[in-house]
Amino acid sequence: QNGETEVLVLVNHPMETGQRTDPKTKEKIPA
């Protein structure tokens, strides 16, 4: 569009911070 190409990329990835806790096990979810 308008002389340039827009590239859109979608990645199926959890992107975990390492700060959240699993509600079932109460353990930290690894980064």
Full PDB file with SEQRES, HELIX, SHEET, SSBOND, CRYST1, ORIGX, SCALE, CONECT and MASTER records, all heavy atoms in Angstrom:
SEQRES   1 A   31  GLN ASN GLY GLU THR GLU VAL LEU VAL LEU VAL ASN HIS          
SEQRES   2 A   31  PRO MET GLU THR GLY GLN ARG THR ASP PRO LYS THR LYS          
SEQRES   3 A   31  GLU LYS ILE PRO ALA                                          
CRYST1    1.000    1.000    1.000  90.00  90.00  90.00 P 1           1          
ORIGX1      1.000000  0.000000  0.000000        0.00000                         
ORIGX2      0.000000  1.000000  0.000000        0.00000                         
ORIGX3      0.000000  0.000000  1.000000        0.00000                         
SCALE1      1.000000  0.000000  0.000000        0.00000                         
SCALE2      0.000000  1.000000  0.000000        0.00000                         
SCALE3      0.000000  0.000000  1.000000        0.00000                         
ATOM      1  N   GLN A   1       0.842  -1.186   0.000  1.00  0.00           N  
ATOM      2  CA  GLN A   1       0.000   0.000   0.000  1.00  0.00           C  
ATOM      3  C   GLN A   1       0.878   1.237   0.000  1.00  0.00           C  
ATOM      4  O   GLN A   1       1.834   1.334   0.785  1.00  0.00           O  
ATOM      5  CB  GLN A   1      -0.901  -0.004   1.240  1.00  0.00           C  
ATOM      6  CG  GLN A   1      -1.944   1.071   1.242  1.00  0.00           C  
ATOM      7  CD  GLN A   1      -2.885   0.934   2.428  1.00  0.00           C  
ATOM      8  OE1 GLN A   1      -2.612   0.235   3.390  1.00  0.00           O  
ATOM      9  NE2 GLN A   1      -4.001   1.612   2.347  1.00  0.00           N  
ATOM     10  N   ASN A   2       0.583   2.186  -0.867  1.00  0.00           N  
ATOM     11  CA  ASN A   2       1.294   3.463  -0.944  1.00  0.00           C  
ATOM     12  C   ASN A   2       2.811   3.302  -1.082  1.00  0.00           C  
ATOM     13  O   ASN A   2       3.577   3.999  -0.432  1.00  0.00           O  
ATOM     14  CB  ASN A   2       0.978   4.321   0.285  1.00  0.00           C  
ATOM     15  CG  ASN A   2      -0.492   4.658   0.391  1.00  0.00           C  
ATOM     16  OD1 ASN A   2      -1.173   4.830  -0.615  1.00  0.00           O  
ATOM     17  ND2 ASN A   2      -0.997   4.724   1.609  1.00  0.00           N  
ATOM     18  N   GLY A   3       3.238   2.352  -1.906  1.00  0.00           N  
ATOM     19  CA  GLY A   3       4.663   2.189  -2.185  1.00  0.00           C  
ATOM     20  C   GLY A   3       5.472   1.475  -1.122  1.00  0.00           C  
ATOM     21  O   GLY A   3       6.693   1.448  -1.199  1.00  0.00           O  
ATOM     22  N   GLU A   4       4.831   0.922  -0.115  1.00  0.00           N  
ATOM     23  CA  GLU A   4       5.544   0.145   0.885  1.00  0.00           C  
ATOM     24  C   GLU A   4       4.749  -1.113   1.210  1.00  0.00           C  
ATOM     25  O   GLU A   4       3.562  -1.204   0.964  1.00  0.00           O  
ATOM     26  CB  GLU A   4       5.831   0.964   2.150  1.00  0.00           C  
ATOM     27  CG  GLU A   4       4.646   1.638   2.757  1.00  0.00           C  
ATOM     28  CD  GLU A   4       5.039   2.603   3.877  1.00  0.00           C  
ATOM     29  OE1 GLU A   4       6.202   3.040   3.951  1.00  0.00           O  
ATOM     30  OE2 GLU A   4       4.156   2.911   4.670  1.00  0.00           O  
ATOM     31  N   THR A   5       5.461  -2.095   1.765  1.00  0.00           N  
ATOM     32  CA  THR A   5       4.836  -3.369   2.102  1.00  0.00           C  
ATOM     33  C   THR A   5       4.737  -3.492   3.610  1.00  0.00           C  
ATOM     34  O   THR A   5       5.742  -3.375   4.313  1.00  0.00           O  
ATOM     35  CB  THR A   5       5.655  -4.551   1.540  1.00  0.00           C  
ATOM     36  OG1 THR A   5       5.713  -4.413   0.116  1.00  0.00           O  
ATOM     37  CG2 THR A   5       5.025  -5.880   1.894  1.00  0.00           C  
ATOM     38  N   GLU A   6       3.510  -3.713   4.082  1.00  0.00           N  
ATOM     39  CA  GLU A   6       3.312  -3.976   5.502  1.00  0.00           C  
ATOM     40  C   GLU A   6       3.397  -5.478   5.706  1.00  0.00           C  
ATOM     41  O   GLU A   6       2.734  -6.244   5.017  1.00  0.00           O  
ATOM     42  CB  GLU A   6       1.958  -3.466   5.978  1.00  0.00           C  
ATOM     43  CG  GLU A   6       1.734  -3.715   7.448  1.00  0.00           C  
ATOM     44  CD  GLU A   6       0.407  -3.205   7.953  1.00  0.00           C  
ATOM     45  OE1 GLU A   6      -0.559  -3.159   7.170  1.00  0.00           O  
ATOM     46  OE2 GLU A   6       0.342  -2.862   9.137  1.00  0.00           O  
ATOM     47  N   VAL A   7       4.234  -5.894   6.646  1.00  0.00           N  
ATOM     48  CA  VAL A   7       4.404  -7.302   6.976  1.00  0.00           C  
ATOM     49  C   VAL A   7       3.807  -7.515   8.363  1.00  0.00           C  
ATOM     50  O   VAL A   7       4.232  -6.882   9.327  1.00  0.00           O  
ATOM     51  CB  VAL A   7       5.893  -7.710   6.970  1.00  0.00           C  
ATOM     52  CG1 VAL A   7       6.052  -9.178   7.316  1.00  0.00           C  
ATOM     53  CG2 VAL A   7       6.531  -7.389   5.629  1.00  0.00           C  
ATOM     54  N   LEU A   8       2.806  -8.388   8.448  1.00  0.00           N  
ATOM     55  CA  LEU A   8       2.168  -8.724   9.723  1.00  0.00           C  
ATOM     56  C   LEU A   8       2.561 -10.144  10.096  1.00  0.00           C  
ATOM     57  O   LEU A   8       2.407 -11.061   9.292  1.00  0.00           O  
ATOM     58  CB  LEU A   8       0.654  -8.646   9.609  1.00  0.00           C  
ATOM     59  CG  LEU A   8       0.059  -7.257   9.483  1.00  0.00           C  
ATOM     60  CD1 LEU A   8      -1.390  -7.338   9.047  1.00  0.00           C  
ATOM     61  CD2 LEU A   8       0.172  -6.531  10.800  1.00  0.00           C  
ATOM     62  N   VAL A   9       3.062 -10.317  11.319  1.00  0.00           N  
ATOM     63  CA  VAL A   9       3.491 -11.631  11.788  1.00  0.00           C  
ATOM     64  C   VAL A   9       2.754 -11.950  13.087  1.00  0.00           C  
ATOM     65  O   VAL A   9       2.753 -11.140  14.019  1.00  0.00           O  
ATOM     66  CB  VAL A   9       5.013 -11.661  12.039  1.00  0.00           C  
ATOM     67  CG1 VAL A   9       5.446 -13.008  12.584  1.00  0.00           C  
ATOM     68  CG2 VAL A   9       5.767 -11.321  10.773  1.00  0.00           C  
ATOM     69  N   LEU A  10       2.142 -13.122  13.123  1.00  0.00           N  
ATOM     70  CA  LEU A  10       1.451 -13.605  14.316  1.00  0.00           C  
ATOM     71  C   LEU A  10       2.153 -14.872  14.781  1.00  0.00           C  
ATOM     72  O   LEU A  10       2.284 -15.834  14.022  1.00  0.00           O  
ATOM     73  CB  LEU A  10      -0.015 -13.906  14.014  1.00  0.00           C  
ATOM     74  CG  LEU A  10      -0.839 -14.500  15.152  1.00  0.00           C  
ATOM     75  CD1 LEU A  10      -0.986 -13.505  16.291  1.00  0.00           C  
ATOM     76  CD2 LEU A  10      -2.202 -14.928  14.643  1.00  0.00           C  
ATOM     77  N   VAL A  11       2.617 -14.865  16.043  1.00  0.00           N  
ATOM     78  CA  VAL A  11       3.314 -16.022  16.600  1.00  0.00           C  
ATOM     79  C   VAL A  11       2.481 -16.594  17.748  1.00  0.00           C  
ATOM     80  O   VAL A  11       2.095 -15.861  18.660  1.00  0.00           O  
ATOM     81  CB  VAL A  11       4.718 -15.642  17.131  1.00  0.00           C  
ATOM     82  CG1 VAL A  11       5.421 -16.863  17.700  1.00  0.00           C  
ATOM     83  CG2 VAL A  11       5.559 -15.015  16.030  1.00  0.00           C  
ATOM     84  N   ASN A  12       2.225 -17.887  17.699  1.00  0.00           N  
ATOM     85  CA  ASN A  12       1.546 -18.574  18.786  1.00  0.00           C  
ATOM     86  C   ASN A  12       2.595 -18.836  19.873  1.00  0.00           C  
ATOM     87  O   ASN A  12       3.406 -19.747  19.754  1.00  0.00           O  
ATOM     88  CB  ASN A  12       0.939 -19.880  18.278  1.00  0.00           C  
ATOM     89  CG  ASN A  12       0.275 -20.679  19.365  1.00  0.00           C  
ATOM     90  OD1 ASN A  12      -0.005 -20.161  20.433  1.00  0.00           O  
ATOM     91  ND2 ASN A  12       0.043 -21.943  19.098  1.00  0.00           N  
ATOM     92  N   HIS A  13       2.590 -17.991  20.921  1.00  0.00           N  
ATOM     93  CA  HIS A  13       3.628 -18.072  21.946  1.00  0.00           C  
ATOM     94  C   HIS A  13       3.064 -17.598  23.282  1.00  0.00           C  
ATOM     95  O   HIS A  13       2.339 -16.611  23.335  1.00  0.00           O  
ATOM     96  CB  HIS A  13       4.824 -17.202  21.547  1.00  0.00           C  
ATOM     97  CG  HIS A  13       6.073 -17.538  22.271  1.00  0.00           C  
ATOM     98  ND1 HIS A  13       6.312 -17.121  23.564  1.00  0.00           N  
ATOM     99  CD2 HIS A  13       7.151 -18.264  21.902  1.00  0.00           C  
ATOM    100  CE1 HIS A  13       7.495 -17.572  23.942  1.00  0.00           C  
ATOM    101  NE2 HIS A  13       8.024 -18.269  22.951  1.00  0.00           N  
ATOM    102  N   PRO A  14       3.416 -18.264  24.405  1.00  0.00           N  
ATOM    103  CA  PRO A  14       2.829 -17.897  25.698  1.00  0.00           C  
ATOM    104  C   PRO A  14       3.298 -16.558  26.271  1.00  0.00           C  
ATOM    105  O   PRO A  14       2.579 -15.931  27.036  1.00  0.00           O  
ATOM    106  CB  PRO A  14       3.248 -19.042  26.622  1.00  0.00           C  
ATOM    107  CG  PRO A  14       4.484 -19.593  26.005  1.00  0.00           C  
ATOM    108  CD  PRO A  14       4.292 -19.432  24.518  1.00  0.00           C  
ATOM    109  N   MET A  15       4.515 -16.120  25.949  1.00  0.00           N  
ATOM    110  CA  MET A  15       5.047 -14.849  26.423  1.00  0.00           C  
ATOM    111  C   MET A  15       4.854 -14.674  27.933  1.00  0.00           C  
ATOM    112  O   MET A  15       4.283 -13.701  28.412  1.00  0.00           O  
ATOM    113  CB  MET A  15       4.414 -13.685  25.656  1.00  0.00           C  
ATOM    114  CG  MET A  15       4.660 -13.726  24.154  1.00  0.00           C  
ATOM    115  SD  MET A  15       6.390 -13.669  23.653  1.00  0.00           S  
ATOM    116  CE  MET A  15       6.775 -11.954  23.952  1.00  0.00           C  
ATOM    117  N   GLU A  16       5.367 -15.615  28.695  1.00  0.00           N  
ATOM    118  CA  GLU A  16       5.262 -15.579  30.160  1.00  0.00           C  
ATOM    119  C   GLU A  16       6.370 -14.719  30.770  1.00  0.00           C  
ATOM    120  O   GLU A  16       7.529 -14.820  30.378  1.00  0.00           O  
ATOM    121  CB  GLU A  16       5.335 -16.987  30.746  1.00  0.00           C  
ATOM    122  CG  GLU A  16       4.094 -17.807  30.545  1.00  0.00           C  
ATOM    123  CD  GLU A  16       2.890 -17.295  31.339  1.00  0.00           C  
ATOM    124  OE1 GLU A  16       3.060 -16.489  32.282  1.00  0.00           O  
ATOM    125  OE2 GLU A  16       1.770 -17.702  31.001  1.00  0.00           O  
ATOM    126  N   THR A  17       6.016 -13.935  31.776  1.00  0.00           N  
ATOM    127  CA  THR A  17       6.975 -13.029  32.422  1.00  0.00           C  
ATOM    128  C   THR A  17       7.800 -13.697  33.512  1.00  0.00           C  
ATOM    129  O   THR A  17       8.839 -13.187  33.899  1.00  0.00           O  
ATOM    130  CB  THR A  17       6.240 -11.846  33.086  1.00  0.00           C  
ATOM    131  OG1 THR A  17       5.437 -12.352  34.149  1.00  0.00           O  
ATOM    132  CG2 THR A  17       5.397 -11.089  32.087  1.00  0.00           C  
ATOM    133  N   GLY A  18       7.302 -14.801  34.038  1.00  0.00           N  
ATOM    134  CA  GLY A  18       7.955 -15.439  35.171  1.00  0.00           C  
ATOM    135  C   GLY A  18       7.426 -14.913  36.499  1.00  0.00           C  
ATOM    136  O   GLY A  18       7.871 -15.326  37.565  1.00  0.00           O  
ATOM    137  N   GLN A  19       6.455 -14.012  36.445  1.00  0.00           N  
ATOM    138  CA  GLN A  19       5.888 -13.409  37.649  1.00  0.00           C  
ATOM    139  C   GLN A  19       4.532 -14.002  38.042  1.00  0.00           C  
ATOM    140  O   GLN A  19       4.109 -13.864  39.179  1.00  0.00           O  
ATOM    141  CB  GLN A  19       5.707 -11.896  37.443  1.00  0.00           C  
ATOM    142  CG  GLN A  19       6.992 -11.180  37.132  1.00  0.00           C  
ATOM    143  CD  GLN A  19       8.008 -11.305  38.248  1.00  0.00           C  
ATOM    144  OE1 GLN A  19       7.700 -11.064  39.407  1.00  0.00           O  
ATOM    145  NE2 GLN A  19       9.222 -11.715  37.908  1.00  0.00           N  
ATOM    146  N   ARG A  20       3.851 -14.652  37.089  1.00  0.00           N  
ATOM    147  CA  ARG A  20       2.527 -15.210  37.385  1.00  0.00           C  
ATOM    148  C   ARG A  20       2.645 -16.534  38.129  1.00  0.00           C  
ATOM    149  O   ARG A  20       3.626 -17.251  37.999  1.00  0.00           O  
ATOM    150  CB  ARG A  20       1.734 -15.443  36.094  1.00  0.00           C  
ATOM    151  CG  ARG A  20       1.304 -14.173  35.432  1.00  0.00           C  
ATOM    152  CD  ARG A  20       0.386 -14.335  34.236  1.00  0.00           C  
ATOM    153  NE  ARG A  20       0.498 -15.569  33.499  1.00  0.00           N  
ATOM    154  CZ  ARG A  20      -0.507 -16.448  33.355  1.00  0.00           C  
ATOM    155  NH1 ARG A  20      -1.685 -16.226  33.896  1.00  0.00           N  
ATOM    156  NH2 ARG A  20      -0.334 -17.535  32.646  1.00  0.00           N  
ATOM    157  N   THR A  21       1.590 -16.855  38.871  1.00  0.00           N  
ATOM    158  CA  THR A  21       1.510 -18.102  39.620  1.00  0.00           C  
ATOM    159  C   THR A  21       0.425 -18.978  39.022  1.00  0.00           C  
ATOM    160  O   THR A  21      -0.666 -18.490  38.707  1.00  0.00           O  
ATOM    161  CB  THR A  21       1.181 -17.815  41.099  1.00  0.00           C  
ATOM    162  OG1 THR A  21       2.170 -16.929  41.617  1.00  0.00           O  
ATOM    163  CG2 THR A  21       1.173 -19.075  41.920  1.00  0.00           C  
ATOM    164  N   ASP A  22       0.709 -20.264  38.862  1.00  0.00           N  
ATOM    165  CA  ASP A  22      -0.287 -21.208  38.378  1.00  0.00           C  
ATOM    166  C   ASP A  22      -1.373 -21.342  39.451  1.00  0.00           C  
ATOM    167  O   ASP A  22      -1.071 -21.677  40.594  1.00  0.00           O  
ATOM    168  CB  ASP A  22       0.373 -22.564  38.114  1.00  0.00           C  
ATOM    169  CG  ASP A  22      -0.574 -23.564  37.489  1.00  0.00           C  
ATOM    170  OD1 ASP A  22      -1.685 -23.753  38.030  1.00  0.00           O  
ATOM    171  OD2 ASP A  22      -0.199 -24.172  36.474  1.00  0.00           O  
ATOM    172  N   PRO A  23      -2.644 -21.094  39.097  1.00  0.00           N  
ATOM    173  CA  PRO A  23      -3.703 -21.137  40.109  1.00  0.00           C  
ATOM    174  C   PRO A  23      -3.919 -22.519  40.717  1.00  0.00           C  
ATOM    175  O   PRO A  23      -4.372 -22.631  41.850  1.00  0.00           O  
ATOM    176  CB  PRO A  23      -4.950 -20.669  39.360  1.00  0.00           C  
ATOM    177  CG  PRO A  23      -4.626 -20.709  37.922  1.00  0.00           C  
ATOM    178  CD  PRO A  23      -3.139 -20.716  37.785  1.00  0.00           C  
ATOM    179  N   LYS A  24      -3.585 -23.565  39.992  1.00  0.00           N  
ATOM    180  CA  LYS A  24      -3.789 -24.928  40.507  1.00  0.00           C  
ATOM    181  C   LYS A  24      -2.651 -25.379  41.416  1.00  0.00           C  
ATOM    182  O   LYS A  24      -2.885 -25.912  42.493  1.00  0.00           O  
ATOM    183  CB  LYS A  24      -3.956 -25.910  39.345  1.00  0.00           C  
ATOM    184  CG  LYS A  24      -5.233 -25.696  38.567  1.00  0.00           C  
ATOM    185  CD  LYS A  24      -5.362 -26.671  37.420  1.00  0.00           C  
ATOM    186  CE  LYS A  24      -6.621 -26.364  36.630  1.00  0.00           C  
ATOM    187  NZ  LYS A  24      -6.741 -27.171  35.437  1.00  0.00           N  
ATOM    188  N   THR A  25      -1.411 -25.168  40.973  1.00  0.00           N  
ATOM    189  CA  THR A  25      -0.259 -25.663  41.734  1.00  0.00           C  
ATOM    190  C   THR A  25       0.317 -24.625  42.697  1.00  0.00           C  
ATOM    191  O   THR A  25       1.122 -24.958  43.550  1.00  0.00           O  
ATOM    192  CB  THR A  25       0.870 -26.105  40.776  1.00  0.00           C  
ATOM    193  OG1 THR A  25       1.358 -24.947  40.077  1.00  0.00           O  
ATOM    194  CG2 THR A  25       0.399 -27.160  39.805  1.00  0.00           C  
ATOM    195  N   LYS A  26      -0.042 -23.366  42.497  1.00  0.00           N  
ATOM    196  CA  LYS A  26       0.474 -22.240  43.307  1.00  0.00           C  
ATOM    197  C   LYS A  26       1.969 -22.005  43.107  1.00  0.00           C  
ATOM    198  O   LYS A  26       2.607 -21.318  43.889  1.00  0.00           O  
ATOM    199  CB  LYS A  26       0.180 -22.434  44.806  1.00  0.00           C  
ATOM    200  CG  LYS A  26      -1.275 -22.693  45.121  1.00  0.00           C  
ATOM    201  CD  LYS A  26      -2.120 -21.516  44.777  1.00  0.00           C  
ATOM    202  CE  LYS A  26      -3.568 -21.778  45.200  1.00  0.00           C  
ATOM    203  NZ  LYS A  26      -4.529 -21.119  44.398  1.00  0.00           N  
ATOM    204  N   GLU A  27       2.525 -22.588  42.036  1.00  0.00           N  
ATOM    205  CA  GLU A  27       3.942 -22.389  41.719  1.00  0.00           C  
ATOM    206  C   GLU A  27       4.089 -21.335  40.625  1.00  0.00           C  
ATOM    207  O   GLU A  27       3.193 -21.143  39.809  1.00  0.00           O  
ATOM    208  CB  GLU A  27       4.571 -23.705  41.264  1.00  0.00           C  
ATOM    209  CG  GLU A  27       4.639 -24.748  42.366  1.00  0.00           C  
ATOM    210  CD  GLU A  27       5.301 -26.025  41.901  1.00  0.00           C  
ATOM    211  OE1 GLU A  27       5.894 -26.045  40.811  1.00  0.00           O  
ATOM    212  OE2 GLU A  27       5.222 -27.011  42.647  1.00  0.00           O  
ATOM    213  N   LYS A  28       5.235 -20.673  40.633  1.00  0.00           N  
ATOM    214  CA  LYS A  28       5.508 -19.661  39.598  1.00  0.00           C  
ATOM    215  C   LYS A  28       5.580 -20.335  38.229  1.00  0.00           C  
ATOM    216  O   LYS A  28       6.157 -21.408  38.080  1.00  0.00           O  
ATOM    217  CB  LYS A  28       6.838 -18.954  39.864  1.00  0.00           C  
ATOM    218  CG  LYS A  28       6.815 -18.044  41.047  1.00  0.00           C  
ATOM    219  CD  LYS A  28       6.490 -16.651  40.631  1.00  0.00           C  
ATOM    220  CE  LYS A  28       6.619 -15.739  41.844  1.00  0.00           C  
ATOM    221  NZ  LYS A  28       6.188 -14.425  41.576  1.00  0.00           N  
ATOM    222  N   ILE A  29       4.993 -19.675  37.220  1.00  0.00           N  
ATOM    223  CA  ILE A  29       5.103 -20.128  35.842  1.00  0.00           C  
ATOM    224  C   ILE A  29       6.441 -19.598  35.325  1.00  0.00           C  
ATOM    225  O   ILE A  29       6.694 -18.393  35.398  1.00  0.00           O  
ATOM    226  CB  ILE A  29       3.934 -19.609  34.990  1.00  0.00           C  
ATOM    227  CG1 ILE A  29       2.608 -20.140  35.558  1.00  0.00           C  
ATOM    228  CG2 ILE A  29       4.116 -19.999  33.526  1.00  0.00           C  
ATOM    229  CD1 ILE A  29       1.373 -19.521  34.941  1.00  0.00           C  
ATOM    230  N   PRO A  30       7.316 -20.480  34.803  1.00  0.00           N  
ATOM    231  CA  PRO A  30       8.642 -20.034  34.356  1.00  0.00           C  
ATOM    232  C   PRO A  30       8.569 -18.989  33.234  1.00  0.00           C  
ATOM    233  O   PRO A  30       7.666 -19.021  32.396  1.00  0.00           O  
ATOM    234  CB  PRO A  30       9.305 -21.308  33.831  1.00  0.00           C  
ATOM    235  CG  PRO A  30       8.528 -22.428  34.428  1.00  0.00           C  
ATOM    236  CD  PRO A  30       7.142 -21.919  34.651  1.00  0.00           C  
ATOM    237  N   ALA A  31       9.505 -18.075  33.240  1.00  0.00           N  
ATOM    238  CA  ALA A  31       9.597 -17.058  32.189  1.00  0.00           C  
ATOM    239  C   ALA A  31       9.807 -17.729  30.833  1.00  0.00           C  
ATOM    240  O   ALA A  31      10.550 -18.700  30.722  1.00  0.00           O  
ATOM    241  CB  ALA A  31      10.740 -16.099  32.487  1.00  0.00           C  
TER     242      ALA A  31                                                      
MASTER        0    0    0    0    0    0    0    6  241    1    0    3          
END                                                                             
